[in-house]
Amino acid sequence: MKADVEGATATAPTTAPAVSTPTAAPAAAPAPSVSAGAVAAMYQDRAFEEVKLDGMRKTIAARLSEAKQTIPHFYLRRDIKIDALLAFRSQLNKQLEARGVKLSVNDFIIKAVAVALQQVPEANAVWAGDRVLQMKASDVAVAVAIEGGLFTPVLQDADQKSLSSLSTQMKDMAARARERKLAPQEYQGGSFAISNLGMFGIDNFDAIVNPPHAGILAVGAGVKKPVVGNDGELGIATVMSVTMSVDHRVIDGAVGANLLKAIVDNLENPMAMLA
């Protein structure tokens, strides 16, 4: 608050702080978080139900807390015009109807990310503690919500697979994820992830990088918006907002910008992406 800043300035020491030496006493440890009992005591006069954490919830809490505290995130945002994609998807779905295949927008996003990782290979990497592993294949993880948590099935070699193959595999893995029947090797690995909340009407959000991945693409809903075209004329387009969260230890700003640009170009020009 403004008053805190002014108060701190008014009472700040006028002399420079002493430089720590190897013999100086260690800094005090951070204060522990409030205990479960203390939190429960705050609400003792209110009705509530205590929900015990299962192994999955504990793992998610530990990994994401560690990720947010230790990974230097930065965020890149873009709006994507997806009218061409929607028209192309409709055309393909009519042709694939006899085969029982129905492509989703998410299938195109998976393909676009996988191809972009090949187009910007320096971004196709993972953090390995004291080194970076530069990956050759585009193995893309996709977040799937399940009761009590989430899984991130990994679609291996996604850049080499057709849209119909990706769609079929994704539906199968998502169904088995919700039944908790995925094998560990099916949700471990990958270098990049996708989290799509567009189907819930979310316009945009920031996702947390899931280590050892170098980044994650948070995808919002496609919404009709007024846009200014290349000719300067005002028009209407279906716009999808995305935010890419990036691990700065692995990917620098310019590389991240190039990766996101490649993803945008692939989605706005879906036929060229498949060429």
Protein backbone atom coordinates (compact mmCIF):
# COMPACT_ATOMS: atom_id res chain seq x y z
CA MET A 1 0.00 0.00 0.00
CA LYS A 2 1.05 3.61 -0.54
CA ALA A 3 1.19 4.20 3.24
CA ASP A 4 3.53 1.23 3.70
CA VAL A 5 5.94 2.54 1.07
CA GLU A 6 5.93 6.05 2.52
CA GLY A 7 6.36 4.67 6.04
CA ALA A 8 9.25 2.48 4.98
CA THR A 9 10.94 5.40 3.24
CA ALA A 10 10.50 7.64 6.26
CA THR A 11 12.06 5.13 8.65
CA ALA A 12 14.71 3.67 6.30
CA PRO A 13 18.28 3.79 7.62
CA THR A 14 20.49 6.48 6.08
CA THR A 15 23.62 4.35 6.07
CA ALA A 16 24.29 1.58 3.60
CA PRO A 17 23.78 -1.95 4.96
CA ALA A 18 26.88 -3.94 5.78
CA VAL A 19 28.00 -6.50 3.22
CA SER A 20 27.58 -10.08 4.42
CA THR A 21 30.75 -12.11 4.88
CA PRO A 22 31.23 -15.86 5.04
CA THR A 23 31.36 -15.59 8.85
CA ALA A 24 28.10 -13.67 9.11
CA ALA A 25 25.16 -15.38 10.79
CA PRO A 26 22.75 -17.04 8.30
CA ALA A 27 19.53 -15.27 7.43
CA ALA A 28 16.48 -16.28 9.35
CA ALA A 29 14.39 -18.99 7.71
CA PRO A 30 11.01 -17.95 6.24
CA ALA A 31 8.17 -18.11 8.70
CA PRO A 32 6.28 -21.41 8.46
CA SER A 33 2.89 -21.39 6.80
CA VAL A 34 -0.20 -21.40 8.96
CA SER A 35 -0.89 -24.85 10.33
CA ALA A 36 -3.96 -26.87 9.40
CA GLY A 37 -5.20 -26.64 12.97
CA ALA A 38 -4.86 -22.86 13.03
CA VAL A 39 -6.79 -22.52 9.77
CA ALA A 40 -9.55 -24.83 11.04
CA ALA A 41 -9.75 -22.78 14.23
CA MET A 42 -10.50 -19.65 12.21
CA TYR A 43 -13.66 -21.31 10.90
CA GLN A 44 -14.73 -23.24 13.99
CA ASP A 45 -18.02 -21.35 14.15
CA ARG A 46 -18.78 -21.95 10.45
CA ALA A 47 -20.05 -25.14 8.84
CA PHE A 48 -17.57 -26.94 6.59
CA GLU A 49 -16.60 -30.39 5.41
CA GLU A 50 -12.97 -31.49 5.62
CA VAL A 51 -11.70 -33.13 2.43
CA LYS A 52 -8.61 -35.28 2.89
CA LEU A 53 -5.95 -34.99 0.20
CA ASP A 54 -5.31 -38.13 -1.81
CA GLY A 55 -1.95 -38.98 -3.33
CA MET A 56 -2.71 -37.26 -6.63
CA ARG A 57 -3.77 -33.99 -4.99
CA LYS A 58 -0.68 -34.01 -2.76
CA THR A 59 1.56 -34.60 -5.78
CA ILE A 60 -0.11 -31.82 -7.79
CA ALA A 61 0.18 -29.42 -4.85
CA ALA A 62 3.85 -30.23 -4.29
CA ARG A 63 4.91 -30.14 -7.94
CA LEU A 64 3.07 -26.96 -8.86
CA SER A 65 4.18 -25.15 -5.70
CA GLU A 66 7.76 -26.10 -6.52
CA ALA A 67 7.27 -25.08 -10.15
CA LYS A 68 5.87 -21.64 -9.32
CA GLN A 69 8.56 -20.98 -6.71
CA THR A 70 11.60 -22.24 -8.63
CA ILE A 71 10.87 -21.75 -12.34
CA PRO A 72 11.44 -18.19 -13.60
CA HIS A 73 8.24 -17.84 -15.63
CA PHE A 74 7.65 -15.22 -18.26
CA TYR A 75 4.52 -14.83 -20.35
CA LEU A 76 3.84 -14.13 -24.01
CA ARG A 77 0.34 -13.34 -25.29
CA ARG A 78 -1.19 -13.35 -28.75
CA ASP A 79 -4.64 -13.19 -30.32
CA ILE A 80 -5.23 -15.67 -33.13
CA LYS A 81 -7.84 -15.28 -35.88
CA ILE A 82 -9.27 -18.77 -36.38
CA ASP A 83 -12.00 -18.28 -39.00
CA ALA A 84 -9.91 -20.02 -41.67
CA LEU A 85 -9.23 -22.87 -39.25
CA LEU A 86 -12.93 -23.26 -38.41
CA ALA A 87 -13.89 -23.33 -42.09
CA PHE A 88 -11.14 -25.85 -42.91
CA ARG A 89 -12.14 -27.99 -39.91
CA SER A 90 -15.76 -28.04 -41.06
CA GLN A 91 -14.69 -29.12 -44.53
CA LEU A 92 -12.47 -31.91 -43.20
CA ASN A 93 -15.12 -33.15 -40.77
CA LYS A 94 -17.59 -33.59 -43.63
CA GLN A 95 -15.03 -35.70 -45.47
CA LEU A 96 -14.14 -37.71 -42.34
CA GLU A 97 -17.72 -38.28 -41.21
CA ALA A 98 -17.91 -41.69 -42.87
CA ARG A 99 -14.85 -42.80 -40.89
CA GLY A 100 -16.39 -41.68 -37.59
CA VAL A 101 -13.71 -39.02 -37.05
CA LYS A 102 -14.60 -35.54 -35.81
CA LEU A 103 -11.73 -33.11 -35.47
CA SER A 104 -11.73 -30.57 -32.65
CA VAL A 105 -10.03 -27.19 -32.55
CA ASN A 106 -7.74 -28.70 -29.91
CA ASP A 107 -6.50 -31.27 -32.45
CA PHE A 108 -5.33 -28.40 -34.67
CA ILE A 109 -3.68 -26.71 -31.70
CA ILE A 110 -1.74 -29.89 -30.87
CA LYS A 111 -0.59 -30.17 -34.47
CA ALA A 112 0.32 -26.47 -34.65
CA VAL A 113 2.43 -26.68 -31.50
CA ALA A 114 4.14 -29.89 -32.65
CA VAL A 115 5.04 -28.40 -36.04
CA ALA A 116 6.19 -25.14 -34.41
CA LEU A 117 8.61 -27.06 -32.17
CA GLN A 118 10.23 -28.37 -35.34
CA GLN A 119 10.23 -24.92 -36.91
CA VAL A 120 11.92 -23.42 -33.81
CA PRO A 121 14.02 -26.39 -32.63
CA GLU A 122 15.91 -24.42 -29.95
CA ALA A 123 12.59 -24.12 -28.08
CA ASN A 124 12.05 -27.89 -28.15
CA ALA A 125 13.99 -28.52 -24.95
CA VAL A 126 13.65 -29.49 -21.29
CA TRP A 127 15.40 -28.40 -18.10
CA ALA A 128 17.58 -31.12 -16.56
CA GLY A 129 19.00 -29.43 -13.47
CA ASP A 130 22.53 -28.62 -14.61
CA ARG A 131 21.89 -28.82 -18.35
CA VAL A 132 19.29 -28.45 -21.09
CA LEU A 133 18.20 -31.43 -23.16
CA GLN A 134 17.51 -30.47 -26.76
CA MET A 135 14.75 -32.78 -27.99
CA LYS A 136 14.48 -34.08 -31.54
CA ALA A 137 10.86 -35.26 -31.59
CA SER A 138 7.79 -33.11 -30.92
CA ASP A 139 6.24 -34.83 -27.89
CA VAL A 140 3.33 -32.65 -26.77
CA ALA A 141 1.52 -33.04 -23.44
CA VAL A 142 -2.15 -32.07 -23.16
CA ALA A 143 -3.81 -31.34 -19.82
CA VAL A 144 -6.93 -33.45 -19.16
CA ALA A 145 -9.14 -32.64 -16.17
CA ILE A 146 -10.24 -35.60 -14.10
CA GLU A 147 -12.07 -35.86 -10.80
CA GLY A 148 -9.74 -34.59 -8.10
CA GLY A 149 -6.93 -33.47 -10.37
CA LEU A 150 -5.52 -33.76 -13.87
CA PHE A 151 -3.35 -35.87 -16.12
CA THR A 152 -1.17 -34.71 -19.00
CA PRO A 153 -1.10 -37.48 -21.62
CA VAL A 154 1.83 -37.11 -24.00
CA LEU A 155 1.33 -37.41 -27.75
CA GLN A 156 4.68 -38.58 -29.07
CA ASP A 157 5.94 -37.56 -32.52
CA ALA A 158 2.86 -35.34 -32.88
CA ASP A 159 4.38 -33.41 -35.78
CA GLN A 160 4.51 -36.58 -37.87
CA LYS A 161 0.91 -37.69 -37.25
CA SER A 162 -2.17 -36.76 -39.24
CA LEU A 163 -4.95 -34.72 -37.64
CA SER A 164 -7.26 -37.74 -37.67
CA SER A 165 -4.60 -39.87 -35.95
CA LEU A 166 -3.99 -37.20 -33.32
CA SER A 167 -7.72 -36.83 -32.76
CA THR A 168 -8.28 -40.55 -32.28
CA GLN A 169 -5.27 -40.94 -29.99
CA MET A 170 -6.19 -37.89 -27.92
CA LYS A 171 -9.77 -39.06 -27.38
CA ASP A 172 -8.54 -42.51 -26.33
CA MET A 173 -5.94 -41.15 -23.91
CA ALA A 174 -8.33 -38.59 -22.43
CA ALA A 175 -10.95 -41.30 -21.80
CA ARG A 176 -8.40 -43.57 -20.13
CA ALA A 177 -7.02 -40.63 -18.13
CA ARG A 178 -10.47 -39.98 -16.66
CA GLU A 179 -10.62 -43.66 -15.71
CA ARG A 180 -7.08 -43.44 -14.32
CA LYS A 181 -5.94 -46.19 -16.65
CA LEU A 182 -2.99 -44.47 -18.30
CA ALA A 183 0.38 -46.17 -18.00
CA PRO A 184 3.13 -43.95 -16.50
CA GLN A 185 5.00 -43.76 -19.81
CA GLU A 186 1.85 -42.28 -21.39
CA TYR A 187 1.82 -39.18 -19.16
CA GLN A 188 5.54 -38.71 -18.47
CA GLY A 189 7.95 -36.87 -20.73
CA GLY A 190 7.26 -34.34 -23.45
CA SER A 191 8.87 -30.93 -23.82
CA PHE A 192 5.83 -28.66 -24.08
CA ALA A 193 2.24 -28.73 -22.85
CA ILE A 194 -1.19 -27.39 -23.80
CA SER A 195 -3.96 -26.42 -21.40
CA ASN A 196 -7.24 -25.50 -23.08
CA LEU A 197 -10.07 -23.94 -21.04
CA GLY A 198 -11.85 -22.43 -24.01
CA MET A 199 -14.67 -24.95 -23.76
CA PHE A 200 -15.48 -23.48 -20.33
CA GLY A 201 -15.84 -19.97 -21.76
CA ILE A 202 -12.53 -18.72 -20.34
CA ASP A 203 -11.16 -15.88 -22.47
CA ASN A 204 -7.54 -16.14 -21.30
CA PHE A 205 -5.43 -17.33 -18.38
CA ASP A 206 -1.83 -17.99 -17.34
CA ALA A 207 -0.82 -21.63 -16.87
CA ILE A 208 2.01 -22.92 -14.67
CA VAL A 209 4.92 -24.64 -16.42
CA ASN A 210 4.99 -28.35 -15.56
CA PRO A 211 8.65 -29.34 -15.10
CA PRO A 212 10.75 -30.43 -16.86
CA HIS A 213 8.78 -28.87 -19.76
CA ALA A 214 10.08 -25.56 -21.10
CA GLY A 215 6.65 -24.07 -21.68
CA ILE A 216 2.89 -24.43 -21.72
CA LEU A 217 0.27 -22.83 -23.97
CA ALA A 218 -2.89 -21.64 -22.21
CA VAL A 219 -5.77 -21.50 -24.70
CA GLY A 220 -8.95 -19.48 -24.30
CA ALA A 221 -12.27 -19.50 -26.12
CA GLY A 222 -12.77 -18.32 -29.69
CA VAL A 223 -14.90 -15.17 -29.55
CA LYS A 224 -16.32 -12.94 -32.29
CA LYS A 225 -14.57 -9.58 -32.08
CA PRO A 226 -14.15 -6.44 -34.21
CA VAL A 227 -10.73 -6.43 -35.87
CA VAL A 228 -8.85 -4.15 -38.22
CA GLY A 229 -7.78 -6.03 -41.36
CA ASN A 230 -4.55 -5.69 -43.30
CA ASP A 231 -6.38 -3.25 -45.60
CA GLY A 232 -7.21 -1.02 -42.64
CA GLU A 233 -10.92 -1.86 -42.82
CA LEU A 234 -12.88 -2.81 -39.71
CA GLY A 235 -14.40 -6.28 -39.74
CA ILE A 236 -15.52 -9.17 -37.54
CA ALA A 237 -13.35 -12.21 -36.84
CA THR A 238 -13.33 -15.16 -34.48
CA VAL A 239 -10.41 -14.47 -32.16
CA MET A 240 -8.80 -16.96 -29.78
CA SER A 241 -6.51 -15.59 -27.07
CA VAL A 242 -3.49 -17.64 -26.00
CA THR A 243 -0.83 -17.13 -23.35
CA MET A 244 2.46 -19.01 -23.45
CA SER A 245 4.17 -19.49 -20.08
CA VAL A 246 7.89 -20.08 -20.54
CA ASP A 247 10.75 -21.31 -18.37
CA HIS A 248 13.37 -18.58 -18.85
CA ARG A 249 16.16 -21.00 -17.89
CA VAL A 250 15.50 -22.89 -21.12
CA ILE A 251 13.95 -20.38 -23.53
CA ASP A 252 14.88 -16.71 -23.88
CA GLY A 253 12.42 -14.03 -24.89
CA ALA A 254 13.23 -13.89 -28.59
CA VAL A 255 13.13 -17.68 -28.96
CA GLY A 256 9.82 -17.81 -27.11
CA ALA A 257 8.43 -15.05 -29.35
CA ASN A 258 9.50 -16.98 -32.45
CA LEU A 259 7.86 -20.15 -31.14
CA LEU A 260 4.58 -18.39 -30.41
CA LYS A 261 4.67 -16.68 -33.81
CA ALA A 262 5.11 -20.08 -35.47
CA ILE A 263 2.14 -21.46 -33.52
CA VAL A 264 -0.01 -18.47 -34.54
CA ASP A 265 1.02 -18.75 -38.19
CA ASN A 266 0.22 -22.47 -38.21
CA LEU A 267 -3.25 -21.92 -36.76
CA GLU A 268 -4.10 -18.98 -38.99
CA ASN A 269 -2.90 -20.89 -42.07
CA PRO A 270 -3.92 -24.49 -41.29
CA MET A 271 -3.63 -25.79 -44.85
CA ALA A 272 -0.02 -24.60 -45.12
CA MET A 273 0.73 -26.25 -41.77
CA LEU A 274 -0.27 -29.62 -43.21
CA ALA A 275 1.61 -29.19 -46.49
